[in-house]
Amino acid sequence: MAVTASTHNEPLICNDETMRYRPMGKTGYMVSALSFGCMRLKEDKALNEKMISRAVDLGVNYFETTRYYLEGTCQHRTAPGLKEKTAGVIVSGKESISPDKSAYLFRREIERQLDILGLDHFKFFQVGWFTWQNMPHLLKRGGVFDAIRRAQDEGLIKFIGFTGHDTPENFMRCLEIGLFDSITVTYNVLNRSYEPVIQRAGELGVAVVAMSPVGGGVLAYPATRLPEAVAMDLPTPALALRFVLSNPNVSTACSGMNTIEMLEENVKTVRDFDPSTANFEEMCTGLVRLREKLGERFCTGCRYCADCREGLDIARLMDIWQNWKAFGLEEWTRDTMRSLPEEKQPARCSACGDCEDKCPNDVAILERLAQLGELM
């Protein structure tokens, strides 16, 4: 087990035999290409402890946590596996922001999360569920940023990041302010909307943590059209991870794992992949071609159809249809449709046509709903 020195003279665990490492922005840290999202840990305490400890042994050195995941138990499930190993890893904490979140409340949450995790400091702490609209609340006197700066001065936090689901345009503005050392955003072959943000982060030296690299589990299913599109003849989960890590501006792919087998397979996928051999631009071109096959009548998620008289979530159903047709996710589509409650099934559609009348993209909604129903 080797170590890599950081700018703070705190070595991070780096196992070069099993893991690859990438720069964590301009912080001086080298972060494991695969990081561990702890929001999917199970209730099995022994398994969680074994998994987290095993991940460290395999060279994973970034763990993304917050007190709020798993009904308030995420950090409690994470901590035992990190016992006596926290000095060599980055454990990220996270707290939300709102108009009434004072410096005092934010500071108290930092201390609470440190206590749960058994840490004396966070190498990274994130402002969670952040939006551009919350920037004034972040910066106001007596607000969140006052708490962050004081915590940094006292050594409780080293670097700060943000995460959320705002528009790419707004997140670009957040980066340009120059306050943050990292950004955590959704990024995978199904959802590339933050790709311009990731590129700008790379230009600014801001670390990028790509969450949901396997599409929140969607890409655990076979996507029959993806291998040809990205020129990788691999199982879909491995292909998905490799795509994310082919983007040179991504620091780490943060995967939510809850079995030893999943952990070890992901570690092997990352270790066996040399990003310098990948042609990222050609992959992106291949994915664009897949989308283009859907034609010009493409659902953009504008949600003009949101007030369906039968209560159907039309935009969600159209997104399911598009993933099925574009990527060949037939098995996932079938399982997803079966999991919907009866009142949300396409069979509830009365074919009134209101949704099609409102659709600015002239999507053939009724036809696609019928296809989803037939697939089941």
Protein backbone atom coordinates (compact mmCIF):
# COMPACT_ATOMS: atom_id res chain seq x y z
CA MET A 1 0.00 0.00 0.00
CA ALA A 2 1.57 3.24 -1.17
CA VAL A 3 0.70 6.80 -0.18
CA THR A 4 0.63 10.04 -2.11
CA ALA A 5 1.47 13.30 -0.38
CA SER A 6 -1.00 16.18 -0.55
CA THR A 7 -0.46 19.90 -0.29
CA HIS A 8 -1.44 19.59 3.38
CA ASN A 9 1.17 16.94 4.17
CA GLU A 10 -1.63 14.45 4.85
CA PRO A 11 -1.01 11.29 2.83
CA LEU A 12 -3.95 9.67 1.08
CA ILE A 13 -4.12 5.92 0.73
CA CYS A 14 -3.27 4.97 -2.87
CA ASN A 15 -3.07 1.29 -3.84
CA ASP A 16 -1.48 1.43 -7.29
CA GLU A 17 -1.86 -2.33 -7.71
CA THR A 18 -5.65 -2.24 -7.78
CA MET A 19 -6.71 1.36 -8.47
CA ARG A 20 -6.03 4.26 -10.81
CA TYR A 21 -5.80 7.84 -9.52
CA ARG A 22 -6.60 11.24 -10.99
CA PRO A 23 -5.97 14.84 -9.86
CA MET A 24 -8.65 16.22 -7.54
CA GLY A 25 -8.76 19.57 -9.30
CA LYS A 26 -6.00 21.84 -8.11
CA THR A 27 -6.20 20.75 -4.47
CA GLY A 28 -3.04 18.64 -4.69
CA TYR A 29 -4.89 15.43 -3.82
CA MET A 30 -4.89 12.37 -6.07
CA VAL A 31 -8.31 10.74 -5.88
CA SER A 32 -9.29 7.20 -6.79
CA ALA A 33 -10.96 7.04 -10.20
CA LEU A 34 -13.74 5.04 -8.51
CA SER A 35 -15.23 6.60 -5.40
CA PHE A 36 -17.87 5.25 -3.04
CA GLY A 37 -21.31 6.82 -2.79
CA CYS A 38 -22.64 5.70 0.57
CA MET A 39 -26.33 6.44 0.01
CA ARG A 40 -27.10 2.86 -1.11
CA LEU A 41 -25.66 0.95 1.85
CA LYS A 42 -28.02 -1.66 3.24
CA GLU A 43 -29.16 -2.22 6.83
CA ASP A 44 -26.67 -5.07 7.19
CA LYS A 45 -24.09 -3.60 9.59
CA ALA A 46 -21.54 -6.39 9.14
CA LEU A 47 -21.74 -6.18 5.35
CA ASN A 48 -21.40 -2.39 5.35
CA GLU A 49 -18.34 -2.54 7.59
CA LYS A 50 -16.76 -5.20 5.41
CA MET A 51 -17.52 -3.31 2.20
CA ILE A 52 -16.16 0.05 3.32
CA SER A 53 -13.03 -1.52 4.79
CA ARG A 54 -12.52 -3.60 1.65
CA ALA A 55 -12.93 -0.52 -0.54
CA VAL A 56 -10.11 1.23 1.33
CA ASP A 57 -7.91 -1.85 0.98
CA LEU A 58 -8.55 -1.80 -2.78
CA GLY A 59 -7.44 1.82 -2.98
CA VAL A 60 -10.75 3.68 -2.96
CA ASN A 61 -9.97 6.90 -1.10
CA TYR A 62 -13.11 9.04 -1.53
CA PHE A 63 -16.41 8.37 0.29
CA GLU A 64 -19.41 10.61 -0.28
CA THR A 65 -21.75 10.88 2.70
CA THR A 66 -24.29 13.06 4.43
CA ARG A 67 -26.36 12.57 7.56
CA TYR A 68 -29.58 12.83 5.55
CA TYR A 69 -29.26 9.77 3.33
CA LEU A 70 -30.94 6.49 4.31
CA GLU A 71 -33.36 8.20 6.69
CA GLY A 72 -30.55 9.72 8.71
CA THR A 73 -28.41 6.58 9.00
CA CYS A 74 -25.94 6.90 6.11
CA GLN A 75 -22.97 8.10 8.14
CA HIS A 76 -23.73 5.66 10.95
CA ARG A 77 -23.58 2.83 8.38
CA THR A 78 -20.36 4.18 6.89
CA ALA A 79 -18.31 4.94 10.00
CA PRO A 80 -17.55 1.40 11.31
CA GLY A 81 -15.78 0.38 8.09
CA LEU A 82 -13.56 3.46 8.25
CA LYS A 83 -12.48 2.93 11.84
CA GLU A 84 -8.71 3.44 12.13
CA LYS A 85 -8.58 4.15 8.37
CA THR A 86 -9.96 7.69 8.16
CA ALA A 87 -6.58 9.39 8.08
CA GLY A 88 -5.85 8.02 4.64
CA VAL A 89 -9.12 8.78 2.89
CA ILE A 90 -11.36 11.68 1.89
CA VAL A 91 -14.72 11.44 3.61
CA SER A 92 -17.02 14.11 2.21
CA GLY A 93 -19.80 15.55 4.34
CA LYS A 94 -22.75 17.58 3.13
CA GLU A 95 -25.31 20.00 4.52
CA SER A 96 -28.21 21.74 2.80
CA ILE A 97 -28.76 25.46 2.42
CA SER A 98 -31.97 27.46 2.73
CA PRO A 99 -32.99 31.07 3.47
CA ASP A 100 -33.18 30.36 7.19
CA LYS A 101 -29.91 28.39 7.46
CA SER A 102 -27.66 30.45 9.71
CA ALA A 103 -23.92 30.17 10.27
CA TYR A 104 -24.67 28.69 13.69
CA LEU A 105 -26.92 25.93 12.31
CA PHE A 106 -24.51 25.06 9.52
CA ARG A 107 -21.56 24.90 11.92
CA ARG A 108 -23.50 22.69 14.31
CA GLU A 109 -24.22 20.27 11.47
CA ILE A 110 -20.56 20.10 10.48
CA GLU A 111 -19.65 19.16 14.05
CA ARG A 112 -22.48 16.62 14.27
CA GLN A 113 -21.37 14.83 11.11
CA LEU A 114 -17.74 14.79 12.22
CA ASP A 115 -18.83 13.21 15.49
CA ILE A 116 -20.88 10.50 13.77
CA LEU A 117 -18.04 9.62 11.39
CA GLY A 118 -15.35 9.71 14.06
CA LEU A 119 -13.35 12.41 12.24
CA ASP A 120 -11.52 15.48 13.50
CA HIS A 121 -11.88 17.27 10.14
CA PHE A 122 -13.37 17.01 6.65
CA LYS A 123 -11.00 17.17 3.74
CA PHE A 124 -14.07 18.09 1.65
CA PHE A 125 -17.41 19.44 2.79
CA GLN A 126 -20.22 20.18 0.35
CA VAL A 127 -23.00 22.73 0.26
CA GLY A 128 -25.78 20.37 -0.69
CA TRP A 129 -28.84 20.72 -2.88
CA PHE A 130 -27.40 24.04 -4.02
CA THR A 131 -28.86 26.38 -6.65
CA TRP A 132 -27.87 29.74 -8.05
CA GLN A 133 -30.95 31.15 -6.32
CA ASN A 134 -29.36 30.23 -2.98
CA MET A 135 -26.17 32.19 -3.62
CA PRO A 136 -27.36 35.25 -1.62
CA HIS A 137 -28.16 32.99 1.34
CA LEU A 138 -24.69 31.47 1.07
CA LEU A 139 -22.90 34.81 1.07
CA LYS A 140 -25.00 36.98 3.40
CA ARG A 141 -23.53 38.15 6.71
CA GLY A 142 -24.12 35.48 9.34
CA GLY A 143 -24.88 32.96 6.63
CA VAL A 144 -23.46 29.63 5.54
CA PHE A 145 -20.22 30.90 4.06
CA ASP A 146 -19.30 32.59 7.32
CA ALA A 147 -19.56 29.18 8.98
CA ILE A 148 -17.48 27.55 6.26
CA ARG A 149 -14.68 30.11 6.44
CA ARG A 150 -14.50 29.89 10.21
CA ALA A 151 -14.46 26.08 10.04
CA GLN A 152 -11.61 26.28 7.54
CA ASP A 153 -9.68 28.67 9.78
CA GLU A 154 -10.08 26.25 12.67
CA GLY A 155 -9.06 23.20 10.60
CA LEU A 156 -12.48 21.49 10.59
CA ILE A 157 -12.77 21.78 6.79
CA LYS A 158 -10.04 21.95 4.18
CA PHE A 159 -11.88 22.27 0.85
CA ILE A 160 -15.47 23.10 -0.04
CA GLY A 161 -17.69 21.90 -2.85
CA PHE A 162 -21.29 22.05 -3.94
CA THR A 163 -23.80 19.66 -5.40
CA GLY A 164 -27.34 19.86 -6.66
CA HIS A 165 -29.61 19.69 -9.68
CA ASP A 166 -29.84 23.26 -10.94
CA THR A 167 -29.58 24.10 -14.64
CA PRO A 168 -26.20 23.74 -16.35
CA GLU A 169 -26.25 27.47 -17.04
CA ASN A 170 -26.71 28.29 -13.36
CA PHE A 171 -24.03 25.84 -12.25
CA MET A 172 -21.64 27.47 -14.70
CA ARG A 173 -22.31 30.77 -12.92
CA CYS A 174 -21.68 29.13 -9.56
CA LEU A 175 -18.29 27.92 -10.77
CA GLU A 176 -17.34 31.32 -12.13
CA ILE A 177 -17.73 32.92 -8.70
CA GLY A 178 -14.54 31.10 -7.69
CA LEU A 179 -15.61 29.97 -4.22
CA PHE A 180 -15.62 26.22 -4.70
CA ASP A 181 -12.95 23.53 -4.97
CA SER A 182 -15.26 20.77 -6.22
CA ILE A 183 -18.60 20.16 -7.88
CA THR A 184 -20.67 16.98 -7.71
CA VAL A 185 -23.16 16.45 -10.54
CA THR A 186 -25.03 13.67 -12.28
CA TYR A 187 -23.16 12.39 -15.32
CA ASN A 188 -23.56 9.23 -17.39
CA VAL A 189 -24.24 8.04 -20.94
CA LEU A 190 -27.97 8.64 -20.45
CA ASN A 191 -27.63 12.13 -19.00
CA ARG A 192 -24.87 14.35 -20.38
CA SER A 193 -26.57 17.67 -19.66
CA TYR A 194 -23.79 18.81 -17.31
CA GLU A 195 -20.99 18.08 -19.77
CA PRO A 196 -20.33 21.80 -20.48
CA VAL A 197 -20.20 22.43 -16.72
CA ILE A 198 -17.70 19.60 -16.29
CA GLN A 199 -15.55 21.04 -19.04
CA ARG A 200 -15.57 24.49 -17.46
CA ALA A 201 -14.74 23.01 -14.07
CA GLY A 202 -11.73 21.34 -15.64
CA GLU A 203 -10.59 24.64 -17.12
CA LEU A 204 -10.90 26.32 -13.71
CA GLY A 205 -9.16 23.53 -11.80
CA VAL A 206 -12.32 22.58 -9.93
CA ALA A 207 -12.57 18.88 -9.06
CA VAL A 208 -15.52 17.02 -10.59
CA VAL A 209 -17.24 14.17 -8.77
CA ALA A 210 -19.52 12.42 -11.27
CA MET A 211 -22.45 10.89 -9.42
CA SER A 212 -24.79 8.24 -10.86
CA PRO A 213 -22.21 7.00 -13.40
CA VAL A 214 -24.32 3.87 -13.86
CA GLY A 215 -27.51 5.90 -14.16
CA GLY A 216 -28.75 5.21 -10.66
CA GLY A 217 -28.86 1.50 -11.49
CA VAL A 218 -30.50 1.86 -14.92
CA LEU A 219 -27.26 0.86 -16.63
CA ALA A 220 -27.00 -2.28 -14.54
CA TYR A 221 -29.39 -3.58 -17.20
CA PRO A 222 -28.24 -4.52 -20.72
CA ALA A 223 -28.31 -1.55 -23.11
CA THR A 224 -27.97 -3.36 -26.41
CA ARG A 225 -27.26 -0.33 -28.59
CA LEU A 226 -24.53 1.23 -26.45
CA PRO A 227 -21.53 -1.04 -27.20
CA GLU A 228 -21.52 -0.17 -30.90
CA ALA A 229 -22.18 3.51 -30.24
CA VAL A 230 -19.18 3.96 -27.95
CA ALA A 231 -17.04 1.23 -29.51
CA MET A 232 -16.72 -0.85 -26.33
CA ASP A 233 -17.81 -4.48 -26.36
CA LEU A 234 -18.40 -4.73 -22.61
CA PRO A 235 -21.19 -5.40 -20.12
CA THR A 236 -23.27 -2.24 -19.75
CA PRO A 237 -22.14 -1.33 -16.18
CA ALA A 238 -18.46 -1.52 -17.14
CA LEU A 239 -19.10 0.41 -20.32
CA ALA A 240 -20.92 3.11 -18.36
CA LEU A 241 -18.07 3.58 -15.88
CA ARG A 242 -15.48 3.71 -18.62
CA PHE A 243 -17.44 6.32 -20.54
CA VAL A 244 -17.52 8.64 -17.53
CA LEU A 245 -13.81 8.18 -16.89
CA SER A 246 -13.00 8.82 -20.54
CA ASN A 247 -13.92 12.45 -19.89
CA PRO A 248 -10.57 13.98 -18.87
CA ASN A 249 -12.28 16.62 -16.73
CA VAL A 250 -13.90 14.07 -14.41
CA SER A 251 -11.90 13.53 -11.22
CA THR A 252 -13.78 10.49 -9.94
CA ALA A 253 -16.84 8.38 -10.74
CA CYS A 254 -18.89 8.08 -7.56
CA SER A 255 -20.85 4.84 -7.59
CA GLY A 256 -23.41 3.75 -5.02
CA MET A 257 -22.45 0.16 -4.18
CA ASN A 258 -24.02 -2.28 -1.73
CA THR A 259 -22.43 -5.68 -2.42
CA ILE A 260 -18.85 -6.88 -2.27
CA GLU A 261 -19.24 -8.31 -5.78
CA MET A 262 -20.33 -4.95 -7.17
CA LEU A 263 -17.42 -3.20 -5.46
CA GLU A 264 -14.80 -5.64 -6.72
CA GLU A 265 -16.20 -5.68 -10.26
CA ASN A 266 -16.18 -1.87 -10.41
CA VAL A 267 -12.62 -1.74 -9.06
CA LYS A 268 -11.52 -4.22 -11.72
CA THR A 269 -13.27 -2.22 -14.44
CA VAL A 270 -11.47 0.95 -13.42
CA ARG A 271 -8.10 -0.69 -12.93
CA ASP A 272 -8.16 -2.42 -16.31
CA PHE A 273 -9.08 0.76 -18.18
CA ASP A 274 -6.49 3.22 -19.46
CA PRO A 275 -8.38 6.45 -20.26
CA SER A 276 -5.58 7.60 -22.56
CA THR A 277 -6.59 4.88 -25.01
CA ALA A 278 -10.19 6.10 -25.26
CA ASN A 279 -11.47 8.53 -27.86
CA PHE A 280 -13.95 10.54 -25.83
CA GLU A 281 -15.07 12.73 -28.72
CA GLU A 282 -15.92 9.71 -30.86
CA MET A 283 -17.91 8.22 -27.98
CA CYS A 284 -19.93 11.44 -27.66
CA THR A 285 -20.55 11.46 -31.41
CA GLY A 286 -21.81 7.88 -31.22
CA LEU A 287 -24.22 8.78 -28.41
CA VAL A 288 -25.53 11.75 -30.38
CA ARG A 289 -26.24 9.44 -33.31
CA LEU A 290 -28.27 7.16 -31.04
CA ARG A 291 -30.41 10.09 -29.94
CA GLU A 292 -30.79 11.30 -33.52
CA LYS A 293 -32.39 7.98 -34.45
CA LEU A 294 -35.39 9.05 -32.39
CA GLY A 295 -36.04 11.76 -34.96
CA GLU A 296 -36.94 15.40 -34.44
CA ARG A 297 -40.00 14.68 -32.32
CA PHE A 298 -38.08 14.41 -29.07
CA CYS A 299 -39.40 14.92 -25.53
CA THR A 300 -37.37 17.68 -23.85
CA GLY A 301 -39.03 17.37 -20.45
CA CYS A 302 -40.74 20.76 -20.65
CA ARG A 303 -43.69 19.24 -18.72
CA TYR A 304 -46.38 21.18 -20.58
CA CYS A 305 -48.22 17.86 -20.37
CA ALA A 306 -48.03 17.76 -16.56
CA ASP A 307 -51.75 18.20 -15.88
CA CYS A 308 -52.91 14.91 -17.40
CA ARG A 309 -56.60 14.43 -16.58
CA GLU A 310 -55.89 10.77 -15.72
CA GLY A 311 -52.96 11.66 -13.45
CA LEU A 312 -50.25 10.10 -15.61
CA ASP A 313 -46.70 11.44 -15.43
CA ILE A 314 -46.41 11.85 -19.18
CA ALA A 315 -42.91 13.36 -19.14
CA ARG A 316 -41.58 10.46 -17.06
CA LEU A 317 -43.18 7.92 -19.37
CA MET A 318 -41.72 9.65 -22.43
CA ASP A 319 -38.27 9.58 -20.82
CA ILE A 320 -38.65 5.84 -20.20
CA TRP A 321 -39.69 5.34 -23.83
CA GLN A 322 -36.74 7.33 -25.14
CA ASN A 323 -34.20 5.41 -23.04
CA TRP A 324 -35.72 2.16 -24.27
CA LYS A 325 -35.63 3.09 -27.92
CA ALA A 326 -32.35 5.04 -27.97
CA PHE A 327 -30.20 2.70 -25.89
CA GLY A 328 -31.93 -0.65 -26.24
CA LEU A 329 -32.89 -0.82 -22.55
CA GLU A 330 -35.80 -3.18 -23.08
CA GLU A 331 -35.39 -5.26 -19.91
CA TRP A 332 -35.06 -2.14 -17.76
CA THR A 333 -38.08 -0.55 -19.42
CA ARG A 334 -40.22 -3.62 -18.80
CA ASP A 335 -39.19 -3.84 -15.13
CA THR A 336 -39.65 -0.10 -14.63
CA MET A 337 -43.14 -0.11 -16.12
CA ARG A 338 -44.15 -3.08 -13.99
CA SER A 339 -42.98 -1.26 -10.88
CA LEU A 340 -45.31 1.69 -11.49
CA PRO A 341 -48.54 1.76 -9.47
CA GLU A 342 -51.63 0.82 -11.42
CA GLU A 343 -52.90 4.39 -11.51
CA LYS A 344 -49.69 5.49 -13.26
CA GLN A 345 -49.76 2.81 -15.96
CA PRO A 346 -50.27 3.73 -19.64
CA ALA A 347 -53.45 1.64 -19.61
CA ARG A 348 -55.05 4.51 -17.67
CA CYS A 349 -54.72 6.76 -20.70
CA SER A 350 -58.13 7.79 -22.09
CA ALA A 351 -56.59 8.95 -25.39
CA CYS A 352 -58.08 12.41 -24.93
CA GLY A 353 -55.13 13.94 -26.81
CA ASP A 354 -54.68 16.95 -24.51
CA CYS A 355 -51.01 16.15 -24.00
CA GLU A 356 -50.31 16.01 -27.72
CA ASP A 357 -52.13 19.31 -28.27
CA LYS A 358 -49.86 20.97 -25.67
CA CYS A 359 -46.58 19.36 -26.76
CA PRO A 360 -44.33 21.95 -28.46
CA ASN A 361 -42.27 19.16 -30.07
CA ASP A 362 -45.21 17.33 -31.65
CA VAL A 363 -44.29 14.09 -29.88
CA ALA A 364 -46.55 11.16 -30.74
CA ILE A 365 -47.39 10.64 -27.08
CA LEU A 366 -50.42 8.37 -27.49
CA GLU A 367 -48.53 6.06 -29.83
CA ARG A 368 -45.59 5.81 -27.43
CA LEU A 369 -47.85 5.16 -24.44
CA ALA A 370 -49.43 2.31 -26.40
CA GLN A 371 -45.98 0.86 -27.17
CA LEU A 372 -45.05 0.94 -23.50
CA GLY A 373 -48.27 -0.86 -22.66
CA GLU A 374 -47.59 -3.52 -25.30
CA LEU A 375 -44.06 -4.09 -24.00
CA MET A 376 -45.50 -5.11 -20.63
